[in-house]
N, C-alpha and C. Protein backbone atom coordinates (compact mmCIF):
# COMPACT_ATOMS: atom_id res chain seq x y z
N UNK A 1 -15.52 5.70 -32.55
CA UNK A 1 -15.77 4.72 -32.32
C UNK A 1 -14.97 4.80 -30.13
N UNK A 2 -15.91 4.54 -29.63
CA UNK A 2 -15.44 4.50 -28.09
C UNK A 2 -15.24 3.42 -27.90
N UNK A 3 -14.03 3.18 -26.87
CA UNK A 3 -13.80 1.39 -26.24
C UNK A 3 -14.80 1.80 -25.02
N UNK A 4 -15.67 0.80 -24.43
CA UNK A 4 -16.41 0.85 -23.02
C UNK A 4 -15.71 0.15 -22.14
N UNK A 5 -15.04 1.13 -21.54
CA UNK A 5 -14.33 0.84 -20.27
C UNK A 5 -15.33 1.15 -18.92
N UNK A 6 -16.25 1.68 -18.81
CA UNK A 6 -17.62 1.05 -18.15
C UNK A 6 -16.58 0.19 -16.49
N UNK A 7 -17.41 -0.70 -17.40
CA UNK A 7 -16.53 -1.70 -16.22
C UNK A 7 -15.57 -2.08 -15.42
N UNK A 8 -14.77 -2.24 -16.48
CA UNK A 8 -12.90 -2.14 -15.82
C UNK A 8 -13.02 -0.81 -14.76
N UNK A 9 -13.54 0.18 -15.45
CA UNK A 9 -13.11 1.11 -14.42
C UNK A 9 -14.12 1.01 -12.81
N UNK A 10 -15.44 0.66 -12.78
CA UNK A 10 -15.67 0.15 -12.14
C UNK A 10 -15.23 -0.94 -10.74
N UNK A 11 -14.32 -1.53 -11.40
CA UNK A 11 -13.62 -2.86 -10.60
C UNK A 11 -12.50 -1.63 -9.92
N UNK A 12 -11.92 -1.65 -10.54
CA UNK A 12 -10.18 -0.85 -10.19
C UNK A 12 -10.14 0.19 -8.49
N UNK A 13 -10.16 -0.84 -7.28
CA UNK A 13 -9.88 -0.10 -6.40
C UNK A 13 -8.36 -0.56 -6.13
N UNK A 14 -7.92 0.73 -5.12
CA UNK A 14 -6.44 0.78 -4.93
C UNK A 14 -6.28 1.15 -3.53
N UNK A 15 -5.51 0.19 -2.92
CA UNK A 15 -4.37 0.65 -1.95
C UNK A 15 -3.19 1.09 -1.48
N UNK A 16 -3.69 2.14 -0.95
CA UNK A 16 -1.62 2.15 -0.68
C UNK A 16 -0.39 1.52 -0.91
N UNK A 17 0.21 1.61 -1.47
CA UNK A 17 1.37 0.81 -0.71
C UNK A 17 1.84 0.38 0.36
N UNK A 18 2.17 1.96 0.59
CA UNK A 18 2.99 1.91 2.05
C UNK A 18 2.26 2.37 3.22
N UNK A 19 2.02 0.98 4.21
CA UNK A 19 0.94 1.53 4.83
C UNK A 19 1.41 2.57 6.36
N UNK A 20 2.65 2.91 6.30
CA UNK A 20 3.02 3.60 7.06
C UNK A 20 2.61 5.13 6.74
N UNK A 21 2.62 5.61 5.24
CA UNK A 21 2.08 6.92 5.31
C UNK A 21 3.36 7.62 4.38
N UNK A 22 4.51 6.56 4.88
CA UNK A 22 6.20 7.87 4.18
C UNK A 22 6.31 7.69 2.96
N UNK A 23 6.55 8.62 2.20
CA UNK A 23 6.42 8.25 0.54
C UNK A 23 7.94 7.94 0.00
N UNK A 24 8.20 6.90 0.10
CA UNK A 24 9.54 6.73 -0.57
C UNK A 24 9.18 6.87 -2.33
N UNK A 25 11.11 7.19 -2.14
CA UNK A 25 11.70 7.29 -3.51
C UNK A 25 10.39 6.67 -5.14
N UNK A 26 10.47 6.38 -5.92
CA UNK A 26 9.61 5.97 -7.06
C UNK A 26 11.43 4.73 -7.13
N UNK A 27 10.10 3.63 -7.92
CA UNK A 27 11.39 2.64 -8.22
C UNK A 27 11.79 3.30 -9.20
N UNK A 28 10.99 4.09 -10.74
CA UNK A 28 11.79 4.11 -11.91
C UNK A 28 11.71 5.30 -11.85
N UNK A 29 12.91 6.16 -12.59
CA UNK A 29 12.60 7.56 -12.83
C UNK A 29 13.32 7.57 -14.54
N UNK A 30 12.80 8.23 -15.23
CA UNK A 30 13.53 8.72 -15.84
C UNK A 30 13.20 10.61 -15.86
N UNK A 31 14.03 10.18 -15.39
CA UNK A 31 14.89 11.97 -15.81
C UNK A 31 14.62 13.16 -16.83
N UNK A 32 15.36 13.12 -18.22
CA UNK A 32 15.26 13.01 -19.28
C UNK A 32 13.33 13.45 -19.62
N UNK A 33 12.43 12.49 -19.42
CA UNK A 33 11.41 13.03 -19.18
C UNK A 33 10.06 13.73 -18.27
N UNK A 34 11.04 13.65 -16.59
CA UNK A 34 9.95 13.48 -16.30
C UNK A 34 9.28 12.92 -16.15
N UNK A 35 9.31 11.41 -16.00
CA UNK A 35 8.67 10.98 -15.25
C UNK A 35 9.11 9.97 -14.41
N UNK A 36 7.99 9.08 -13.59
CA UNK A 36 8.33 8.47 -12.23
C UNK A 36 7.78 7.58 -12.30
N UNK A 37 8.34 5.75 -11.62
CA UNK A 37 7.09 5.24 -11.12
C UNK A 37 7.06 4.40 -10.40
N UNK A 38 5.57 4.34 -9.44
CA UNK A 38 5.83 3.45 -7.86
C UNK A 38 5.23 2.53 -7.52
N UNK A 39 5.54 1.50 -7.11
CA UNK A 39 4.84 0.51 -7.54
C UNK A 39 3.84 0.63 -6.22
N UNK A 40 2.71 -0.65 -6.62
CA UNK A 40 1.16 0.11 -5.67
C UNK A 40 0.78 -1.21 -5.69
N UNK A 41 -0.21 -1.57 -5.22
CA UNK A 41 -1.29 -2.67 -4.94
C UNK A 41 -2.52 -2.80 -5.12
N UNK A 42 -2.80 -3.43 -5.88
CA UNK A 42 -4.28 -3.73 -6.22
C UNK A 42 -5.02 -3.94 -5.24
N UNK A 43 -6.46 -4.24 -5.13
CA UNK A 43 -7.45 -4.68 -4.27
C UNK A 43 -7.30 -6.75 -3.89
N UNK A 44 -6.50 -7.01 -4.92
CA UNK A 44 -6.67 -8.15 -5.22
C UNK A 44 -5.32 -8.95 -4.00
N UNK A 45 -4.00 -7.67 -4.25
CA UNK A 45 -3.03 -7.76 -3.23
C UNK A 45 -2.02 -8.28 -4.81
N UNK A 46 -1.79 -7.59 -6.60
CA UNK A 46 -1.13 -7.54 -7.15
C UNK A 46 -0.46 -6.48 -7.31
N UNK A 47 1.14 -6.20 -7.55
CA UNK A 47 1.66 -5.06 -7.49
C UNK A 47 1.59 -4.60 -8.65
N UNK A 48 1.13 -3.27 -8.83
CA UNK A 48 2.09 -2.72 -10.13
C UNK A 48 2.72 -1.75 -10.23
N UNK A 49 2.62 -1.00 -11.65
CA UNK A 49 3.53 0.42 -11.57
C UNK A 49 2.38 1.48 -11.49
N UNK A 50 2.64 2.50 -11.24
CA UNK A 50 1.84 4.06 -11.06
C UNK A 50 3.00 5.02 -11.59
N UNK A 51 2.61 4.75 -12.60
CA UNK A 51 3.19 5.88 -13.60
C UNK A 51 3.10 7.10 -13.61
N UNK A 52 3.90 8.16 -12.82
CA UNK A 52 3.68 9.74 -12.94
C UNK A 52 4.06 10.43 -14.64
N UNK A 53 3.42 10.84 -14.97
CA UNK A 53 3.82 11.64 -16.39
C UNK A 53 3.89 12.88 -16.16
N UNK A 54 4.53 13.55 -16.89
CA UNK A 54 5.32 15.16 -17.06
C UNK A 54 3.90 16.11 -17.08
N UNK A 55 4.75 17.10 -16.47
CA UNK A 55 3.56 18.23 -16.68
C UNK A 55 2.64 18.24 -15.82
N UNK A 56 2.49 18.08 -15.18
CA UNK A 56 1.25 17.60 -14.21
C UNK A 56 0.15 16.88 -14.80
N UNK A 57 0.45 15.74 -16.10
CA UNK A 57 -0.36 15.28 -16.28
C UNK A 57 -1.05 14.15 -15.49
N UNK A 58 -0.78 13.66 -14.51
CA UNK A 58 -1.73 13.25 -13.04
C UNK A 58 -0.73 11.63 -13.56
N UNK A 59 -1.84 10.94 -12.82
CA UNK A 59 -0.67 9.32 -12.92
C UNK A 59 -1.68 8.03 -13.57
N UNK A 60 -1.29 7.56 -14.23
CA UNK A 60 -2.14 5.82 -14.76
C UNK A 60 -1.13 4.75 -14.11
N UNK A 61 -2.39 3.96 -13.63
CA UNK A 61 -1.19 2.90 -13.28
C UNK A 61 -1.12 1.73 -14.47
N UNK A 62 -0.25 1.36 -14.71
CA UNK A 62 0.82 0.18 -15.64
C UNK A 62 0.70 -1.44 -15.53
N UNK A 63 -0.65 -2.24 -15.67
CA UNK A 63 -0.66 -3.93 -15.60
C UNK A 63 0.50 -4.72 -15.71
N UNK A 64 0.23 -5.96 -15.58
CA UNK A 64 1.53 -6.55 -16.06
C UNK A 64 1.21 -7.44 -17.36
N UNK A 65 0.95 -8.05 -18.10
CA UNK A 65 -0.05 -8.60 -18.53
C UNK A 65 -0.14 -9.97 -18.49
N UNK A 66 -0.56 -10.72 -17.68
CA UNK A 66 -0.44 -11.83 -17.77
C UNK A 66 -1.49 -12.90 -18.27
N UNK A 67 -2.26 -12.60 -19.31
CA UNK A 67 -3.04 -13.00 -20.16
C UNK A 67 -1.86 -13.87 -20.99
N UNK A 68 -1.10 -13.13 -21.80
CA UNK A 68 -0.28 -13.17 -23.11
C UNK A 68 1.12 -13.63 -22.32
N UNK A 69 1.54 -13.29 -21.04
CA UNK A 69 2.75 -13.27 -20.40
C UNK A 69 2.12 -14.62 -18.89
N UNK A 70 2.22 -15.68 -19.27
CA UNK A 70 1.20 -16.18 -17.95
C UNK A 70 2.66 -16.53 -16.76
N UNK A 71 1.81 -16.03 -15.86
CA UNK A 71 2.75 -16.07 -15.01
C UNK A 71 3.63 -15.06 -14.22
N UNK A 72 3.41 -14.68 -15.00
CA UNK A 72 4.39 -13.16 -14.87
C UNK A 72 4.06 -12.18 -13.52
N UNK A 73 2.48 -11.84 -13.02
CA UNK A 73 2.30 -11.48 -12.36
C UNK A 73 2.08 -12.10 -11.12
N UNK A 74 2.66 -13.52 -10.86
CA UNK A 74 3.16 -14.26 -9.73
C UNK A 74 4.26 -14.13 -9.56
N UNK A 75 5.29 -13.91 -10.48
CA UNK A 75 6.35 -13.64 -10.17
C UNK A 75 6.43 -12.27 -9.88
N UNK A 76 6.49 -11.30 -10.25
CA UNK A 76 6.65 -9.75 -10.32
C UNK A 76 6.28 -9.68 -8.85
N UNK A 77 5.04 -10.59 -8.27
CA UNK A 77 4.77 -10.57 -6.77
C UNK A 77 5.70 -10.70 -5.65
N UNK A 78 5.75 -12.20 -6.60
CA UNK A 78 7.42 -12.62 -5.63
C UNK A 78 8.75 -11.79 -5.33
N UNK A 79 9.05 -10.95 -6.70
CA UNK A 79 9.80 -9.90 -6.92
C UNK A 79 9.83 -9.12 -5.46
N UNK A 80 8.56 -8.17 -5.81
CA UNK A 80 8.03 -7.53 -4.96
C UNK A 80 8.28 -7.21 -2.98
N UNK A 81 7.99 -8.46 -3.19
CA UNK A 81 7.48 -9.37 -2.14
C UNK A 81 9.30 -9.09 -1.29
N UNK A 82 10.26 -9.86 -2.07
CA UNK A 82 11.19 -10.21 -1.89
C UNK A 82 11.77 -8.98 -1.23
N UNK A 83 11.66 -8.23 -2.24
CA UNK A 83 12.72 -6.78 -2.06
C UNK A 83 12.33 -5.84 -0.43
N UNK A 84 10.62 -5.94 -0.28
CA UNK A 84 10.26 -5.21 0.72
C UNK A 84 10.76 -5.82 1.90
N UNK A 85 11.27 -7.52 1.95
CA UNK A 85 11.50 -8.26 2.97
C UNK A 85 12.61 -7.66 3.90
N UNK A 86 13.57 -7.55 2.36
CA UNK A 86 14.65 -6.99 2.67
C UNK A 86 15.04 -5.75 2.67
N UNK A 87 14.19 -4.82 2.32
CA UNK A 87 14.38 -3.51 3.02
C UNK A 87 14.45 -3.59 4.26
N UNK A 88 13.03 -4.43 4.83
CA UNK A 88 12.50 -4.54 6.56
C UNK A 88 13.21 -4.89 7.71
N UNK A 89 14.56 -5.85 6.84
CA UNK A 89 16.16 -6.17 7.49
C UNK A 89 17.03 -5.35 7.94
N UNK A 90 16.50 -4.76 6.90
CA UNK A 90 18.50 -3.61 6.68
C UNK A 90 17.52 -2.33 7.38
């Protein structure tokens, strides 16, 4: 059995979180497992995490489950915007 993901894969378009091109350090780090996660933004302006897998296995996007946790995406976006605004002020 294979899952049909063609529709969802075609809809995914990402833009760089950093418009300056400067590489920010990862937001989350697991040094024991060699994994890191950065904030990223999708085409709808919603933030998500981009998880870098160990051993050069690539990166995968991790999205909030807004269908189950109502309003979590809106709250997460507010948190990220607040953090980014604080960084700009400093």
